[in-house]
C-alpha atoms as a PDB file:
ATOM      1  CA  MET A   1       0.000   0.000   0.000  1.00  0.00           C
ATOM      2  CA  LYS A   2       1.205   3.390  -0.914  1.00  0.00           C
ATOM      3  CA  ARG A   3       1.605   6.084   1.665  1.00  0.00           C
ATOM      4  CA  LYS A   4      -0.049   9.475   1.179  1.00  0.00           C
ATOM      5  CA  SER A   5       2.194  12.409   0.871  1.00  0.00           C
ATOM      6  CA  ALA A   6       1.934  15.238   3.372  1.00  0.00           C
ATOM      7  CA  ARG A   7       0.342  17.474   0.772  1.00  0.00           C
ATOM      8  CA  GLU A   8      -2.443  14.976  -0.072  1.00  0.00           C
ATOM      9  CA  SER A   9      -3.081  14.400   3.614  1.00  0.00           C
ATOM     10  CA  ARG A  10      -3.502  18.138   4.282  1.00  0.00           C
ATOM     11  CA  SER A  11      -5.879  18.655   1.320  1.00  0.00           C
ATOM     12  CA  SER A  12      -8.147  15.798   2.362  1.00  0.00           C
ATOM     13  CA  THR A  13      -8.277  17.167   5.917  1.00  0.00           C
ATOM     14  CA  VAL A  14      -9.194  20.639   4.644  1.00  0.00           C
ATOM     15  CA  THR A  15     -11.878  19.169   2.378  1.00  0.00           C
ATOM     16  CA  ARG A  16     -13.442  17.239   5.247  1.00  0.00           C
ATOM     17  CA  HIS A  17     -13.353  20.322   7.461  1.00  0.00           C
ATOM     18  CA  LEU A  18     -15.027  22.534   4.787  1.00  0.00           C
ATOM     19  CA  SER A  19     -17.722  19.991   4.016  1.00  0.00           C
ATOM     20  CA  ARG A  20     -18.511  19.774   7.725  1.00  0.00           C
ATOM     21  CA  ARG A  21     -18.928  23.575   7.849  1.00  0.00           C
ATOM     22  CA  VAL A  22     -21.223  23.603   4.798  1.00  0.00           C
ATOM     23  CA  ASN A  23     -23.364  20.852   6.269  1.00  0.00           C
ATOM     24  CA  ASP A  24     -23.550  22.660   9.607  1.00  0.00           C
ATOM     25  CA  SER A  25     -24.695  25.896   7.956  1.00  0.00           C
ATOM     26  CA  ALA A  26     -27.692  24.109   6.417  1.00  0.00           C
ATOM     27  CA  LEU A  27     -29.079  23.517   9.887  1.00  0.00           C
ATOM     28  CA  PRO A  28     -31.354  26.080  11.538  1.00  0.00           C
ATOM     29  CA  HIS A  29     -29.666  28.564  13.855  1.00  0.00           C
ATOM     30  CA  ASP A  30     -30.933  26.895  16.973  1.00  0.00           C
ATOM     31  CA  GLY A  31     -29.234  23.678  15.899  1.00  0.00           C
ATOM     32  CA  VAL A  32     -32.458  21.644  15.848  1.00  0.00           C
ATOM     33  CA  SER A  33     -32.758  19.842  12.530  1.00  0.00           C
ATOM     34  CA  GLY A  34     -36.322  18.637  13.091  1.00  0.00           C
ATOM     35  CA  ASP A  35     -37.885  22.017  12.079  1.00  0.00           C
ATOM     36  CA  VAL A  36     -36.910  21.790   8.406  1.00  0.00           C
ATOM     37  CA  PRO A  37     -39.386  19.034   7.399  1.00  0.00           C
ATOM     38  CA  VAL A  38     -42.179  20.788   9.314  1.00  0.00           C
ATOM     39  CA  ALA A  39     -41.566  24.022   7.404  1.00  0.00           C
ATOM     40  CA  ASN A  40     -41.537  22.130   4.110  1.00  0.00           C
ATOM     41  CA  ASN A  41     -44.876  20.518   4.948  1.00  0.00           C
ATOM     42  CA  ARG A  42     -46.405  23.928   5.753  1.00  0.00           C
ATOM     43  CA  ARG A  43     -45.096  25.298   2.475  1.00  0.00           C
ATOM     44  CA  ARG A  44     -46.603  22.380   0.567  1.00  0.00           C
ATOM     45  CA  ARG A  45     -49.981  22.891   2.241  1.00  0.00           C
ATOM     46  CA  ASN A  46     -49.947  26.615   1.367  1.00  0.00           C
ATOM     47  CA  LEU A  47     -49.130  25.825  -2.243  1.00  0.00           C
ATOM     48  CA  GLY A  48     -52.095  23.459  -2.378  1.00  0.00           C
ATOM     49  CA  ALA A  49     -54.349  26.167  -0.945  1.00  0.00           C
ATOM     50  CA  GLN A  50     -53.175  28.609  -3.656  1.00  0.00           C
ATOM     51  CA  ARG A  51     -54.037  26.261  -6.501  1.00  0.00           C
ATOM     52  CA  GLY A  52     -56.657  27.800  -8.845  1.00  0.00           C
ATOM     53  CA  VAL A  53     -56.200  31.370  -7.625  1.00  0.00           C
ATOM     54  CA  ALA A  54     -54.932  32.507 -11.035  1.00  0.00           C
ATOM     55  CA  ALA A  55     -58.022  31.082 -12.730  1.00  0.00           C
ATOM     56  CA  VAL A  56     -60.333  32.883 -10.312  1.00  0.00           C
ATOM     57  CA  GLU A  57     -58.473  36.185 -10.771  1.00  0.00           C
ATOM     58  CA  PHE A  58     -58.622  35.774 -14.548  1.00  0.00           C
ATOM     59  CA  ALA A  59     -62.375  35.089 -14.377  1.00  0.00           C
ATOM     60  CA  ILE A  60     -62.841  38.305 -12.402  1.00  0.00           C
ATOM     61  CA  VAL A  61     -60.686  40.460 -14.709  1.00  0.00           C
ATOM     62  CA  LEU A  62     -61.815  38.966 -18.059  1.00  0.00           C
ATOM     63  CA  PRO A  63     -65.195  40.781 -18.322  1.00  0.00           C
ATOM     64  CA  LEU A  64     -63.556  44.126 -17.600  1.00  0.00           C
ATOM     65  CA  LEU A  65     -60.834  43.422 -20.155  1.00  0.00           C
ATOM     66  CA  LEU A  66     -63.389  42.440 -22.821  1.00  0.00           C
ATOM     67  CA  LEU A  67     -65.470  45.533 -22.084  1.00  0.00           C
ATOM     68  CA  ILE A  68     -62.445  47.758 -22.590  1.00  0.00           C
ATOM     69  CA  ILE A  69     -61.460  46.034 -25.852  1.00  0.00           C
ATOM     70  CA  PHE A  70     -64.957  46.059 -27.373  1.00  0.00           C
ATOM     71  CA  SER A  71     -65.725  49.611 -26.268  1.00  0.00           C
ATOM     72  CA  THR A  72     -62.469  50.772 -27.866  1.00  0.00           C
ATOM     73  CA  ALA A  73     -63.433  49.079 -31.138  1.00  0.00           C
ATOM     74  CA  GLU A  74     -66.970  50.497 -30.925  1.00  0.00           C
ATOM     75  CA  PHE A  75     -65.690  54.004 -30.277  1.00  0.00           C
ATOM     76  CA  GLY A  76     -63.289  53.711 -33.214  1.00  0.00           C
ATOM     77  CA  VAL A  77     -66.089  52.673 -35.574  1.00  0.00           C
ATOM     78  CA  ALA A  78     -68.287  55.532 -34.324  1.00  0.00           C
ATOM     79  CA  LEU A  79     -65.523  58.060 -34.959  1.00  0.00           C
ATOM     80  CA  TYR A  80     -64.929  56.612 -38.417  1.00  0.00           C
ATOM     81  CA  ASP A  81     -68.649  56.834 -39.290  1.00  0.00           C
ATOM     82  CA  LYS A  82     -68.774  60.441 -38.052  1.00  0.00           C
ATOM     83  CA  ALA A  83     -65.827  61.314 -40.303  1.00  0.00           C
ATOM     84  CA  MET A  84     -67.495  59.615 -43.280  1.00  0.00           C
ATOM     85  CA  ILE A  85     -70.749  61.527 -42.717  1.00  0.00           C
ATOM     86  CA  THR A  86     -68.771  64.774 -42.589  1.00  0.00           C
ATOM     87  CA  ASN A  87     -67.014  63.852 -45.839  1.00  0.00           C
ATOM     88  CA  ALA A  88     -70.350  62.906 -47.445  1.00  0.00           C
ATOM     89  CA  SER A  89     -71.841  66.308 -46.588  1.00  0.00           C
ATOM     90  CA  ARG A  90     -68.764  67.982 -48.091  1.00  0.00           C
ATOM     91  CA  GLU A  91     -69.054  65.914 -51.256  1.00  0.00           C
ATOM     92  CA  GLY A  92     -72.747  66.789 -51.559  1.00  0.00           C
ATOM     93  CA  ALA A  93     -72.120  70.488 -51.012  1.00  0.00           C
ATOM     94  CA  ARG A  94     -69.292  70.456 -53.532  1.00  0.00           C
ATOM     95  CA  ALA A  95     -71.504  68.729 -56.103  1.00  0.00           C
ATOM     96  CA  GLY A  96     -74.189  71.374 -55.507  1.00  0.00           C
ATOM     97  CA  VAL A  97     -71.987  74.475 -55.849  1.00  0.00           C
ATOM     98  CA  VAL A  98     -69.876  73.514 -58.843  1.00  0.00           C
ATOM     99  CA  LEU A  99     -70.716  75.598 -61.888  1.00  0.00           C
ATOM    100  CA  ARG A 100     -72.328  73.400 -64.518  1.00  0.00           C
ATOM    101  CA  ASN A 101     -75.167  73.543 -66.966  1.00  0.00           C
ATOM    102  CA  PRO A 102     -77.902  72.580 -66.049  1.00  0.00           C
ATOM    103  CA  LYS A 103     -77.571  73.476 -62.377  1.00  0.00           C
ATOM    104  CA  PRO A 104     -77.661  70.491 -59.998  1.00  0.00           C
ATOM    105  CA  SER A 105     -80.952  69.733 -58.281  1.00  0.00           C
ATOM    106  CA  LYS A 106     -81.609  68.720 -54.677  1.00  0.00           C
ATOM    107  CA  GLN A 107     -81.962  65.123 -55.874  1.00  0.00           C
ATOM    108  CA  ASP A 108     -78.495  65.257 -57.501  1.00  0.00           C
ATOM    109  CA  VAL A 109     -76.925  66.426 -54.240  1.00  0.00           C
ATOM    110  CA  THR A 110     -78.835  63.782 -52.266  1.00  0.00           C
ATOM    111  CA  ASN A 111     -77.703  61.044 -54.661  1.00  0.00           C
ATOM    112  CA  VAL A 112     -74.055  62.089 -54.297  1.00  0.00           C
ATOM    113  CA  VAL A 113     -74.302  61.984 -50.498  1.00  0.00           C
ATOM    114  CA  LEU A 114     -76.105  58.626 -50.399  1.00  0.00           C
ATOM    115  CA  ALA A 115     -73.644  57.057 -52.847  1.00  0.00           C
ATOM    116  CA  TYR A 116     -70.722  58.244 -50.714  1.00  0.00           C
ATOM    117  CA  CYS A 117     -72.319  56.889 -47.539  1.00  0.00           C
ATOM    118  CA  GLN A 118     -73.160  53.569 -49.175  1.00  0.00           C
ATOM    119  CA  ASN A 119     -69.527  53.096 -50.193  1.00  0.00           C
ATOM    120  CA  TYR A 120     -67.799  54.218 -46.997  1.00  0.00           C
ATOM    121  CA  LEU A 121     -70.034  53.874 -43.929  1.00  0.00           C
ATOM    122  CA  ILE A 122     -69.591  50.882 -41.628  1.00  0.00           C
ATOM    123  CA  THR A 123     -73.165  49.809 -40.838  1.00  0.00           C
ATOM    124  CA  PHE A 124     -72.726  46.179 -39.664  1.00  0.00           C
ATOM    125  CA  GLY A 125     -75.672  45.156 -41.806  1.00  0.00           C
ATOM    126  CA  SER A 126     -78.176  47.591 -40.326  1.00  0.00           C
ATOM    127  CA  SER A 127     -80.603  49.205 -42.725  1.00  0.00           C
ATOM    128  CA  ASN A 128     -80.112  52.731 -41.369  1.00  0.00           C
ATOM    129  CA  THR A 129     -79.709  55.093 -44.290  1.00  0.00           C
ATOM    130  CA  PRO A 130     -78.581  58.666 -43.791  1.00  0.00           C
ATOM    131  CA  THR A 131     -81.058  61.516 -44.098  1.00  0.00           C
ATOM    132  CA  VAL A 132     -79.944  64.328 -46.400  1.00  0.00           C
ATOM    133  CA  SER A 133     -81.316  67.840 -46.018  1.00  0.00           C
ATOM    134  CA  VAL A 134     -80.662  70.637 -48.537  1.00  0.00           C
ATOM    135  CA  PRO A 135     -82.843  73.482 -47.245  1.00  0.00           C
ATOM    136  CA  SER A 136     -81.702  76.326 -49.467  1.00  0.00           C
ATOM    137  CA  GLY A 137     -79.123  77.620 -51.850  1.00  0.00           C
ATOM    138  CA  ILE A 138     -79.317  74.939 -54.519  1.00  0.00           C
ATOM    139  CA  GLY A 139     -78.861  76.477 -57.929  1.00  0.00           C
ATOM    140  CA  GLY A 140     -78.383  79.915 -56.393  1.00  0.00           C
ATOM    141  CA  THR A 141     -76.454  82.825 -57.799  1.00  0.00           C
ATOM    142  CA  PHE A 142     -72.723  83.340 -57.392  1.00  0.00           C
ATOM    143  CA  GLY A 143     -71.690  83.749 -53.747  1.00  0.00           C
ATOM    144  CA  THR A 144     -74.925  82.518 -52.138  1.00  0.00           C
ATOM    145  CA  PRO A 145     -74.357  79.752 -49.582  1.00  0.00           C
ATOM    146  CA  LEU A 146     -75.501  76.161 -50.040  1.00  0.00           C
ATOM    147  CA  THR A 147     -76.127  74.141 -46.872  1.00  0.00           C
ATOM    148  CA  VAL A 148     -76.064  70.326 -46.851  1.00  0.00           C
ATOM    149  CA  THR A 149     -76.917  68.453 -43.639  1.00  0.00           C
ATOM    150  CA  VAL A 150     -76.494  64.687 -43.261  1.00  0.00           C
ATOM    151  CA  SER A 151     -77.962  62.806 -40.277  1.00  0.00           C
ATOM    152  CA  TYR A 152     -77.300  59.163 -39.497  1.00  0.00           C
ATOM    153  CA  GLN A 153     -78.623  56.956 -36.696  1.00  0.00           C
ATOM    154  CA  TYR A 154     -75.651  54.929 -35.450  1.00  0.00           C
ATOM    155  CA  ALA A 155     -76.391  51.313 -34.586  1.00  0.00           C
ATOM    156  CA  GLY A 156     -72.935  50.001 -33.662  1.00  0.00           C
ATOM    157  CA  LEU A 157     -71.754  46.494 -32.920  1.00  0.00           C
ATOM    158  CA  GLY A 158     -73.386  45.660 -29.627  1.00  0.00           C
ATOM    159  CA  LEU A 159     -72.321  48.252 -27.120  1.00  0.00           C
ATOM    160  CA  GLY A 160     -73.863  51.006 -29.271  1.00  0.00           C
ATOM    161  CA  ALA A 161     -77.208  49.203 -29.175  1.00  0.00           C
ATOM    162  CA  MET A 162     -76.956  48.710 -25.407  1.00  0.00           C
ATOM    163  CA  LEU A 163     -76.006  52.355 -24.903  1.00  0.00           C
ATOM    164  CA  SER A 164     -78.858  53.562 -27.088  1.00  0.00           C
ATOM    165  CA  ALA A 165     -81.282  51.597 -24.894  1.00  0.00           C
ATOM    166  CA  PHE A 166     -80.359  53.947 -22.034  1.00  0.00           C
ATOM    167  CA  THR A 167     -79.768  57.207 -23.895  1.00  0.00           C
ATOM    168  CA  GLY A 168     -82.018  56.850 -26.917  1.00  0.00           C
ATOM    169  CA  PRO A 169     -80.775  56.507 -30.474  1.00  0.00           C
ATOM    170  CA  ILE A 170     -77.336  57.870 -31.235  1.00  0.00           C
ATOM    171  CA  VAL A 171     -77.747  60.349 -34.098  1.00  0.00           C
ATOM    172  CA  MET A 172     -74.691  61.706 -35.857  1.00  0.00           C
ATOM    173  CA  THR A 173     -75.076  64.931 -37.824  1.00  0.00           C
ATOM    174  CA  ALA A 174     -72.737  66.825 -40.128  1.00  0.00           C
ATOM    175  CA  THR A 175     -73.406  70.150 -41.834  1.00  0.00           C
ATOM    176  CA  THR A 176     -71.403  71.760 -44.621  1.00  0.00           C
ATOM    177  CA  ILE A 177     -71.900  75.272 -45.984  1.00  0.00           C
ATOM    178  CA  MET A 178     -70.261  76.274 -49.292  1.00  0.00           C
ATOM    179  CA  ASN A 179     -70.742  79.306 -51.524  1.00  0.00           C
ATOM    180  CA  ASN A 180     -72.071  78.817 -55.043  1.00  0.00           C
ATOM    181  CA  GLU A 181     -69.570  79.347 -57.825  1.00  0.00           C
END
């Protein structure tokens, strides 16, 4: 059998001493090792009691999250429709004031507005058609104003219908005034 050198003997002694210190530090400060399994059991019981909490929190937050998402989409569609009604009244007024022979009639202006609305409004299949009003100024002399008013009853996706149940129908109106050329 071979004898260990002094260097090997010292390193093995140091290793044993360090491993003893590491193992001692794993024990609780009071030196009682029986508390560690009890704490682990408590931790396991608490984890079991927490099971399903995320699902319950998600079920509580989900309706609010969906309401925010759908109301944002609904509001965006309403703003878009309002912009399209404004553009339609501008198109109608422009068609009514442009110099041409014969002068445009109220029906010509109404047809321009309705065609614009039919192409660009988002109606979600509702049969609401805009109402066009041209009270005066059609075929007038140079410089007289022409007024075109477009009204539209907004139906919306679902939130618009629910909101209109409380507030009445949501009517969007746009008016454009242009001078005859």
